Protein backbone atom coordinates (compact mmCIF):
# COMPACT_ATOMS: atom_id res chain seq x y z
CA MET A 1 91.65 -53.15 76.81
CA SER A 2 95.36 -53.65 77.54
CA LYS A 3 97.79 -52.44 74.87
CA LEU A 4 99.00 -56.03 74.50
CA LEU A 5 97.09 -59.16 75.43
CA LEU A 6 98.44 -62.72 75.48
CA LYS A 7 96.21 -65.79 75.21
CA ALA A 8 97.29 -69.41 74.91
CA TYR A 9 95.53 -72.47 73.49
CA ASN A 10 96.31 -76.18 73.88
CA TYR A 11 99.12 -75.42 76.31
CA TYR A 12 98.90 -72.93 79.14
CA PRO A 13 100.87 -73.55 82.33
CA ASP A 14 99.75 -72.34 85.74
CA PHE A 15 101.91 -69.27 86.33
CA SER A 16 100.79 -69.10 89.94
CA ASN A 17 102.74 -72.33 90.48
CA GLU A 18 105.54 -71.66 92.97
CA ASN A 19 108.19 -73.54 91.00
CA ILE A 20 107.47 -71.64 87.76
CA ALA A 21 107.31 -68.33 89.63
CA LYS A 22 110.66 -69.08 91.28
CA ILE A 23 112.34 -69.79 87.94
CA GLY A 24 111.05 -66.53 86.48
CA THR A 25 111.93 -64.48 89.55
CA GLU A 26 115.49 -65.81 89.58
CA ILE A 27 116.01 -64.75 85.96
CA ILE A 28 114.60 -61.26 86.49
CA ASP A 29 116.61 -60.77 89.69
CA GLY A 30 119.71 -61.95 87.87
CA ILE A 31 119.15 -59.29 85.21
CA LYS A 32 118.47 -56.55 87.76
CA PHE A 33 121.52 -57.43 89.88
CA LYS A 34 123.72 -58.11 86.83
CA THR A 35 124.59 -61.69 87.72
CA VAL A 36 123.39 -63.33 84.48
CA ASP A 37 125.61 -64.17 81.53
CA GLY A 38 125.80 -61.27 79.10
CA PHE A 39 124.63 -58.61 81.57
CA GLU A 40 127.11 -56.17 79.99
CA ASN A 41 125.01 -56.19 76.79
CA PHE A 42 121.91 -54.64 78.32
CA GLY A 43 123.06 -51.22 77.12
CA PHE A 44 120.27 -51.30 74.51
CA HIS A 45 117.74 -51.24 77.37
CA GLU A 46 119.52 -48.47 79.27
CA LEU A 47 119.73 -46.42 76.07
CA ALA A 48 115.98 -46.59 75.49
CA LEU A 49 115.12 -45.92 79.14
CA ASN A 50 117.41 -42.90 79.35
CA PHE A 51 116.63 -41.40 75.96
CA SER A 52 115.87 -37.85 77.05
CA ASN A 53 114.13 -34.95 75.36
CA GLN A 54 117.59 -33.56 74.64
CA ASN A 55 118.54 -36.73 72.74
CA ILE A 56 115.31 -36.52 70.74
CA GLU A 57 116.02 -32.86 69.98
CA GLU A 58 119.46 -33.83 68.62
CA ILE A 59 117.79 -36.26 66.21
CA LYS A 60 115.23 -33.64 65.20
CA LYS A 61 118.00 -31.08 64.65
CA LEU A 62 119.89 -33.42 62.35
CA ALA A 63 116.67 -34.23 60.49
CA LYS A 64 116.06 -30.50 60.09
CA ASN A 65 119.55 -30.10 58.61
CA ILE A 66 118.79 -32.82 56.07
CA VAL A 67 115.41 -31.36 55.12
CA SER A 68 116.84 -27.81 54.87
CA THR A 69 119.02 -28.89 51.92
CA LYS A 70 115.81 -29.73 50.00
CA THR A 71 116.70 -33.41 50.08
CA THR A 72 114.31 -35.69 48.21
CA ASP A 73 116.43 -38.87 48.26
CA ILE A 74 118.95 -40.36 50.69
CA ILE A 75 121.43 -43.10 49.84
CA ILE A 76 122.12 -45.04 53.03
CA PHE A 77 125.32 -47.08 53.30
CA THR A 78 124.58 -49.60 56.04
CA ASP A 79 123.74 -53.28 56.67
CA LEU A 80 120.65 -55.48 56.42
CA ARG A 81 119.81 -55.37 60.13
CA THR A 82 119.64 -51.57 60.11
CA GLU A 83 117.34 -51.66 57.10
CA GLN A 84 115.14 -54.30 58.75
CA ASN A 85 114.91 -52.26 61.96
CA TYR A 86 113.73 -49.27 59.95
CA ARG A 87 111.23 -51.21 57.83
CA SER A 88 109.72 -52.97 60.84
CA GLY A 89 108.96 -49.62 62.47
CA TYR A 90 107.87 -47.69 59.40
CA GLU A 91 105.66 -50.42 57.95
CA PHE A 92 104.01 -51.02 61.32
CA VAL A 93 102.92 -47.40 61.69
CA TYR A 94 102.47 -46.54 58.00
CA SER A 95 101.57 -49.80 56.30
CA ASN A 96 99.28 -47.77 54.02
CA ASP A 97 101.08 -44.44 53.74
CA LEU A 98 98.92 -42.07 51.73
CA LEU A 99 101.64 -39.40 51.82
CA LEU A 100 104.41 -41.69 50.63
CA GLU A 101 105.08 -39.74 47.43
CA ASN A 102 105.60 -36.54 49.44
CA LYS A 103 108.24 -37.98 51.76
CA ILE A 104 111.98 -38.40 51.42
CA ARG A 105 112.87 -41.64 49.64
CA PHE A 106 115.48 -43.99 51.12
CA HIS A 107 117.84 -46.12 49.01
CA PHE A 108 119.83 -48.73 50.93
CA ILE A 109 123.20 -50.11 49.87
CA LEU A 110 123.95 -53.00 52.21
CA SER A 111 127.45 -54.04 53.24
CA ASP A 112 126.36 -57.65 53.71
CA SER A 113 125.10 -57.95 50.12
CA PRO A 114 127.39 -59.47 47.45
CA GLN A 115 129.92 -57.00 46.08
CA TYR A 116 128.47 -56.99 42.57
CA VAL A 117 125.12 -55.87 44.04
CA TRP A 118 126.78 -52.75 45.50
CA PHE A 119 127.87 -51.58 42.07
CA GLN A 120 124.65 -52.60 40.33
CA ARG A 121 122.68 -50.67 42.92
CA PHE A 122 124.71 -47.51 42.48
CA GLU A 123 124.62 -47.71 38.67
CA SER A 124 120.84 -47.93 38.87
CA LEU A 125 120.65 -44.95 41.23
CA LYS A 126 122.90 -42.88 38.95
CA MET A 127 120.28 -43.09 36.21
CA HIS A 128 117.28 -42.15 38.36
CA LEU A 129 118.35 -39.69 41.06
CA ASN A 130 118.72 -35.94 40.98
CA TRP A 131 122.08 -35.44 42.67
CA GLU A 132 121.26 -31.84 43.53
CA THR A 133 118.65 -33.13 45.99
CA THR A 134 120.37 -36.34 47.13
CA SER A 135 122.06 -36.78 50.52
CA PHE A 136 124.20 -39.60 51.91
CA ILE A 137 124.12 -41.38 55.27
CA PHE A 138 126.84 -43.72 56.52
CA ALA A 139 125.45 -45.80 59.37
CA LYS A 140 126.55 -49.00 61.07
CA LEU A 141 126.12 -50.64 64.46
CA HIS A 142 129.50 -52.35 64.17
CA THR A 143 132.47 -51.84 61.87
CA PHE A 144 132.28 -52.09 58.08
CA ASN A 145 134.35 -54.75 56.37
CA THR A 146 137.43 -53.65 54.43
CA GLU A 147 135.85 -54.28 51.02
CA PHE A 148 132.90 -52.01 51.79
CA ILE A 149 135.21 -49.26 53.02
CA GLU A 150 137.00 -49.38 49.67
CA TYR A 151 133.64 -49.31 47.90
CA ILE A 152 132.66 -46.17 49.84
CA LYS A 153 135.92 -44.52 48.76
CA ILE A 154 135.19 -45.31 45.11
CA ILE A 155 131.66 -43.89 45.33
CA LEU A 156 132.79 -40.75 47.17
CA ASN A 157 135.53 -40.17 44.62
CA TYR A 158 132.99 -40.39 41.79
CA LEU A 159 130.52 -38.06 43.52
CA GLN A 160 133.14 -35.46 44.42
CA GLN A 161 134.56 -35.43 40.90
CA HIS A 162 131.19 -35.11 39.18
CA HIS A 163 129.12 -33.14 41.67
CA GLY A 164 131.59 -31.14 43.73
CA TYR A 165 133.94 -31.95 46.60
CA TRP A 166 132.36 -29.80 49.31
CA ARG A 167 128.82 -30.18 48.01
CA THR A 168 129.11 -33.95 48.52
CA LEU A 169 130.58 -33.58 52.01
CA ASN A 170 127.96 -31.03 53.07
CA LYS A 171 125.27 -33.58 52.23
CA SER A 172 127.02 -36.47 53.98
CA TYR A 173 126.00 -37.67 57.45
CA LEU A 174 127.51 -40.19 59.85
CA ILE A 175 125.38 -42.04 62.39
CA GLY A 176 127.01 -44.94 64.19
CA LYS A 177 129.32 -46.17 66.90
CA GLU A 178 132.64 -44.61 67.86
CA ASN A 179 134.59 -47.36 66.10
CA VAL A 180 132.70 -46.65 62.87
CA GLU A 181 133.60 -42.97 63.17
CA LEU A 182 137.26 -43.98 63.38
CA GLN A 183 136.86 -46.21 60.32
CA LEU A 184 135.42 -43.36 58.27
CA ASP A 185 137.75 -40.60 59.45
CA PHE A 186 138.89 -40.14 55.83
CA ILE A 187 135.50 -38.53 55.11
CA GLU A 188 135.56 -34.89 56.23
CA ILE A 189 132.06 -34.84 57.67
CA SER A 190 131.07 -31.82 59.74
CA GLU A 191 130.48 -32.48 63.45
CA ASN A 192 127.00 -31.00 62.94
CA ASN A 193 126.28 -33.89 60.58
CA LYS A 194 127.17 -36.65 63.05
CA LEU A 195 125.37 -38.69 65.71
CA ILE A 196 127.80 -40.98 67.52
CA SER A 197 126.83 -43.63 70.07
CA PRO A 198 129.06 -45.62 72.46
CA ASN A 199 130.46 -48.98 71.37
CA ILE A 200 128.46 -50.84 74.05
CA LEU A 201 125.23 -50.99 72.01
CA GLU A 202 124.42 -54.61 71.06
CA PRO A 203 123.67 -54.65 67.28
CA ARG A 204 121.07 -57.44 67.50
CA TYR A 205 118.95 -55.39 69.93
CA ALA A 206 119.43 -51.99 68.35
CA PHE A 207 115.94 -50.91 67.35
CA PHE A 208 116.44 -47.71 69.36
CA ALA A 209 119.80 -46.82 67.85
CA GLU A 210 120.02 -43.22 66.64
CA ILE A 211 120.07 -44.23 62.98
CA ASN A 212 116.74 -46.03 63.25
CA LEU A 213 115.08 -43.23 65.19
CA LEU A 214 116.36 -40.68 62.66
CA LEU A 215 115.02 -42.63 59.67
CA LEU A 216 111.65 -43.18 61.35
CA PHE A 217 111.41 -39.50 62.28
CA LEU A 218 112.19 -38.43 58.71
CA LYS A 219 109.22 -40.56 57.61
CA GLY A 220 106.86 -38.94 60.11
CA VAL A 221 106.90 -41.45 62.98
CA ASP A 222 106.52 -39.93 66.46
CA ILE A 223 109.68 -41.40 67.99
CA ALA A 224 108.90 -40.00 71.45
CA LYS A 225 105.77 -42.16 71.55
CA VAL A 226 107.69 -45.22 70.34
CA LEU A 227 110.15 -44.75 73.20
CA GLN A 228 107.26 -44.18 75.59
CA GLY A 229 105.75 -47.48 74.48
CA TYR A 230 109.03 -49.32 75.01
CA VAL A 231 109.47 -47.90 78.52
CA SER A 232 105.87 -48.72 79.42
CA GLY A 233 106.17 -52.24 78.04
CA SER A 234 109.55 -52.89 79.65
CA ASN A 235 108.22 -51.90 83.07
CA ASP A 236 105.64 -54.67 82.70
CA PHE A 237 107.96 -57.19 81.06
CA THR A 238 110.71 -56.89 83.69
CA SER A 239 108.29 -57.23 86.59
CA ASN A 240 108.87 -60.17 88.93
CA LEU A 241 105.11 -60.60 89.24
CA ILE A 242 105.17 -63.60 86.93
CA GLY A 243 101.39 -63.86 86.69
CA LEU A 244 101.33 -60.41 85.05
CA ASN A 245 104.56 -60.60 83.03
CA GLN A 246 103.37 -61.56 79.55
CA ALA A 247 106.84 -61.57 77.95
CA LEU A 248 108.12 -64.07 80.50
CA GLN A 249 104.97 -66.17 80.16
CA TYR A 250 105.37 -66.28 76.38
CA ALA A 251 109.07 -67.15 76.71
CA TYR A 252 108.25 -69.98 79.12
CA ILE A 253 105.58 -71.39 76.81
CA CYS A 254 107.98 -71.31 73.84
CA SER A 255 110.85 -72.88 75.80
CA ILE A 256 108.69 -75.82 76.93
CA LEU A 257 107.05 -76.42 73.54
CA ALA A 258 110.41 -76.27 71.75
CA ASN A 259 111.60 -79.33 73.65
CA ASP A 260 109.69 -81.61 71.26
CA LYS A 261 108.56 -79.21 68.51
CA LYS A 262 111.56 -77.86 66.62
CA ARG A 263 109.52 -75.68 64.25
CA SER A 264 107.62 -72.53 65.15
CA LEU A 265 105.42 -70.29 63.01
CA LEU A 266 104.92 -66.56 63.43
CA ILE A 267 101.62 -65.70 61.76
CA SER A 268 99.99 -62.32 61.16
CA SER A 269 96.81 -61.26 59.43
CA ASP A 270 97.94 -57.70 58.76
CA PRO A 271 100.85 -56.53 56.58
CA ALA A 272 101.66 -53.90 59.22
CA ILE A 273 103.00 -56.63 61.51
CA ASN A 274 104.99 -58.67 58.99
CA SER A 275 108.31 -56.81 59.20
CA VAL A 276 108.33 -56.86 63.00
CA LEU A 277 107.77 -60.61 62.92
CA THR A 278 110.59 -60.98 60.39
CA LEU A 279 112.89 -59.11 62.76
CA TYR A 280 111.90 -61.35 65.67
CA SER A 281 112.24 -64.56 63.66
CA LYS A 282 115.76 -63.49 62.68
CA LEU A 283 116.62 -63.06 66.37
CA LYS A 284 115.30 -66.54 67.15
CA ASN A 285 116.93 -68.25 64.19
CA GLU A 286 120.31 -66.71 64.98
CA GLN A 287 119.96 -68.04 68.52
CA TYR A 288 118.69 -71.54 67.82
CA ILE A 289 119.47 -72.57 64.24
CA ASN A 290 122.51 -74.55 65.48
CA LYS A 291 120.12 -76.49 67.74
CA ASN A 292 118.03 -77.52 64.72
CA ARG A 293 115.21 -75.13 65.63
CA LEU A 294 113.62 -73.03 62.90
CA CYS A 295 111.22 -70.09 63.09
CA ALA A 296 109.27 -69.03 59.97
CA THR A 297 106.83 -66.18 59.27
CA MET A 298 103.69 -66.11 57.15
CA GLN A 299 100.61 -63.98 56.59
CA PHE A 300 97.06 -65.33 56.51
CA PRO A 301 94.87 -65.41 54.49
CA GLU A 302 97.34 -64.48 51.71
CA HIS A 303 99.51 -67.58 52.27
CA ILE A 304 96.73 -69.92 53.27
CA TYR A 305 96.52 -71.70 49.90
CA THR A 306 100.27 -72.30 49.96
CA TYR A 307 100.74 -73.36 53.56
CA ALA A 308 97.33 -74.52 54.86
CA PRO A 309 97.83 -78.18 53.81
CA TYR A 310 101.11 -78.25 55.74
CA THR A 311 99.89 -76.33 58.79
CA ILE A 312 97.03 -78.79 59.23
CA ALA A 313 98.66 -82.06 58.14
CA MET A 314 101.94 -81.42 59.99
CA SER A 315 100.49 -79.85 63.12
CA ASN A 316 102.37 -82.30 65.34
CA ILE A 317 105.80 -80.82 64.57
CA TYR A 318 105.31 -77.11 65.28
CA TYR A 319 103.77 -74.55 67.58
CA ALA A 320 102.44 -71.20 66.40
CA THR A 321 102.17 -67.57 67.43
CA PHE A 322 99.41 -65.48 65.89
CA VAL A 323 99.71 -61.70 66.20
CA GLN A 324 96.74 -59.50 65.34
CA LEU A 325 95.65 -55.88 65.58
CA ASN A 326 92.43 -55.20 67.46
CA SER A 327 91.85 -52.12 65.29
CA GLN A 328 93.59 -50.10 62.59
CA ARG A 329 94.64 -46.47 62.99
CA HIS A 330 92.69 -45.80 59.81
CA ASP A 331 89.59 -47.86 59.15
CA TYR A 332 87.62 -47.91 55.89
CA ARG A 333 84.03 -48.59 54.94
CA ILE A 334 82.63 -50.51 52.01
CA THR A 335 80.11 -48.12 50.48
CA PRO A 336 76.45 -49.19 50.18
CA GLU A 337 76.68 -48.57 46.43
CA LEU A 338 79.47 -51.11 46.14
CA SER A 339 77.45 -53.67 48.07
CA ILE A 340 74.39 -53.18 45.88
CA ASN A 341 76.23 -53.11 42.57
CA ASP A 342 78.14 -56.24 43.56
CA GLY A 343 74.92 -58.07 44.18
CA VAL A 344 75.88 -58.49 47.83
CA GLY A 345 73.38 -57.67 50.52
CA LYS A 346 74.10 -54.77 52.82
CA PHE A 347 76.14 -55.59 55.90
CA LYS A 348 75.14 -54.12 59.23
CA GLN A 349 78.83 -53.62 59.88
CA ASN A 350 80.59 -52.58 56.70
CA ARG A 351 83.95 -51.49 58.09
CA LEU A 352 86.99 -53.43 56.93
CA SER A 353 87.91 -53.97 60.58
CA GLU A 354 84.77 -56.08 61.01
CA PHE A 355 85.86 -58.39 58.22
CA ASN A 356 89.34 -58.55 59.75
CA HIS A 357 87.88 -59.58 63.10
CA ARG A 358 85.99 -62.45 61.47
CA ASN A 359 89.10 -63.48 59.58
CA ASN A 360 91.16 -63.44 62.80
CA ASP A 361 88.56 -65.49 64.66
CA GLY A 362 88.66 -68.04 61.86
CA ILE A 363 92.46 -68.30 61.98
CA VAL A 364 92.49 -68.82 65.76
CA THR A 365 89.70 -71.41 65.58
CA THR A 366 91.36 -73.32 62.74
CA LEU A 367 94.78 -73.45 64.39
CA SER A 368 93.62 -74.17 67.93
CA SER A 369 90.56 -76.38 67.37
CA VAL A 370 90.92 -77.93 63.90
CA ALA A 371 94.68 -78.37 63.58
CA ASN A 372 94.97 -78.62 67.39
CA VAL A 373 98.22 -76.65 67.37
CA PRO A 374 99.69 -75.18 70.57
CA LEU A 375 98.98 -71.51 69.92
CA ALA A 376 100.05 -68.24 71.50
CA HIS A 377 97.67 -65.46 70.50
CA ILE A 378 98.98 -61.89 70.83
CA ILE A 379 96.51 -59.02 70.42
CA LEU A 380 97.60 -55.40 70.01
CA GLU A 381 95.27 -52.46 70.45
CA GLN A 382 96.25 -50.87 67.10
CA ASN A 383 99.25 -50.08 64.91
CA GLY A 384 100.27 -46.84 66.64
CA GLU A 385 103.68 -45.68 67.82
CA ILE A 386 103.08 -46.66 71.45
CA GLU A 387 102.04 -50.17 70.42
CA LEU A 388 105.16 -50.43 68.25
CA GLY A 389 107.36 -49.68 71.26
CA ILE A 390 105.46 -52.21 73.37
CA LEU A 391 105.73 -54.93 70.71
CA VAL A 392 109.48 -54.40 70.29
CA ALA A 393 109.89 -54.60 74.07
CA PHE A 394 107.77 -57.76 74.17
CA PHE A 395 109.80 -59.58 71.52
CA TYR A 396 113.18 -58.39 72.82
CA TRP A 397 112.46 -59.44 76.40
CA SER A 398 110.74 -62.71 75.51
CA ASN A 399 113.74 -63.71 73.39
CA ILE A 400 116.09 -62.86 76.26
CA PHE A 401 113.98 -64.73 78.81
CA GLU A 402 113.67 -67.79 76.58
CA ALA A 403 117.45 -67.93 76.21
CA TYR A 404 117.97 -67.79 79.96
CA LEU A 405 115.28 -70.44 80.48
CA ASN A 406 117.31 -72.61 78.09
CA LYS A 407 120.46 -71.72 80.07
CA ILE A 408 122.20 -69.95 77.20
CA ASN A 409 123.51 -66.41 76.77
CA PRO A 410 120.99 -64.44 74.64
CA PHE A 411 123.78 -62.25 73.27
CA GLU A 412 125.99 -65.06 71.99
CA ILE A 413 125.29 -66.68 68.62
């Protein structure tokens, strides 16, 4: 089975049609020959494609420096998008992390939160953290605002007064763009504790920024495989063979349906996928909210009692995307004893994945045949690192293609 499979219900154009193929080919050629609007922002793609073993070793070296100080907690001064990038990757691979208690804990202080939240967050951390084993990361994909810079100065002053000037600096790390390094030049951070990227990286498409790869690696994610998945997926999703390019097909379907359906739903049946869908819905909403288009996420069956009446009764105003996993990295069985003691007959197939398959079939049938909703059905092989890279590539490229199909710059909001 392919690592990613796209099916469509109630609307599926003929992608062998010459006119559709021509539209898609013109967009892809425009990207390749750098004639499209915003071509200068494709640095995120070049970064991922050219991420070498040496770059990965630099991330591993910095991670080793952090671990060598016996760090148990890291306070990360950053923004919401960086946190969402991290959570989407970590929760996809480790949605049920049995070793969670044995891993370094991350505590995010977000520059785009209200100012009072910054101080509340730090006051809470002061009461619970062991400062002897706490490190600090300053990370941003574009410059901090002036207020947050002043906040950082206040926190650093407190830490250096109470826990030692050099001890605080030795446990401080800077991962960000060159302009962020200039902003924070008042912090005497060792060059060995820095990872600096060029200013060209587009923040909205920065899943493969060094900060995200570092955080994922510290949690045990095989970042080389994630990058491998992205490269593999991008090769398929930038192909001008439109009949095989699933990202372009999905973008075309969405662009046509959105002409008369201003609402779209991103639905999952597995918590591992939720954060990735949240990241993608944020991309879409930033792009189209001023055009009165809204993208929302939900998980079935957990949200079915809340949203089912609306999804069925209001099926004429939205289209849906359902993303499912074909299998889990770790499957579980219901023991025969549990079946007997529950008064439930033994199942021939007692793996949880079997129940998930039946649940997924029910969701697809209900949306496509009962509610009669235009539905894009995306199936992933499993929640592994390679699949994560492929899914990120799929959503990034489909969002870009959809923007160009709508004749807008995908990097302008």
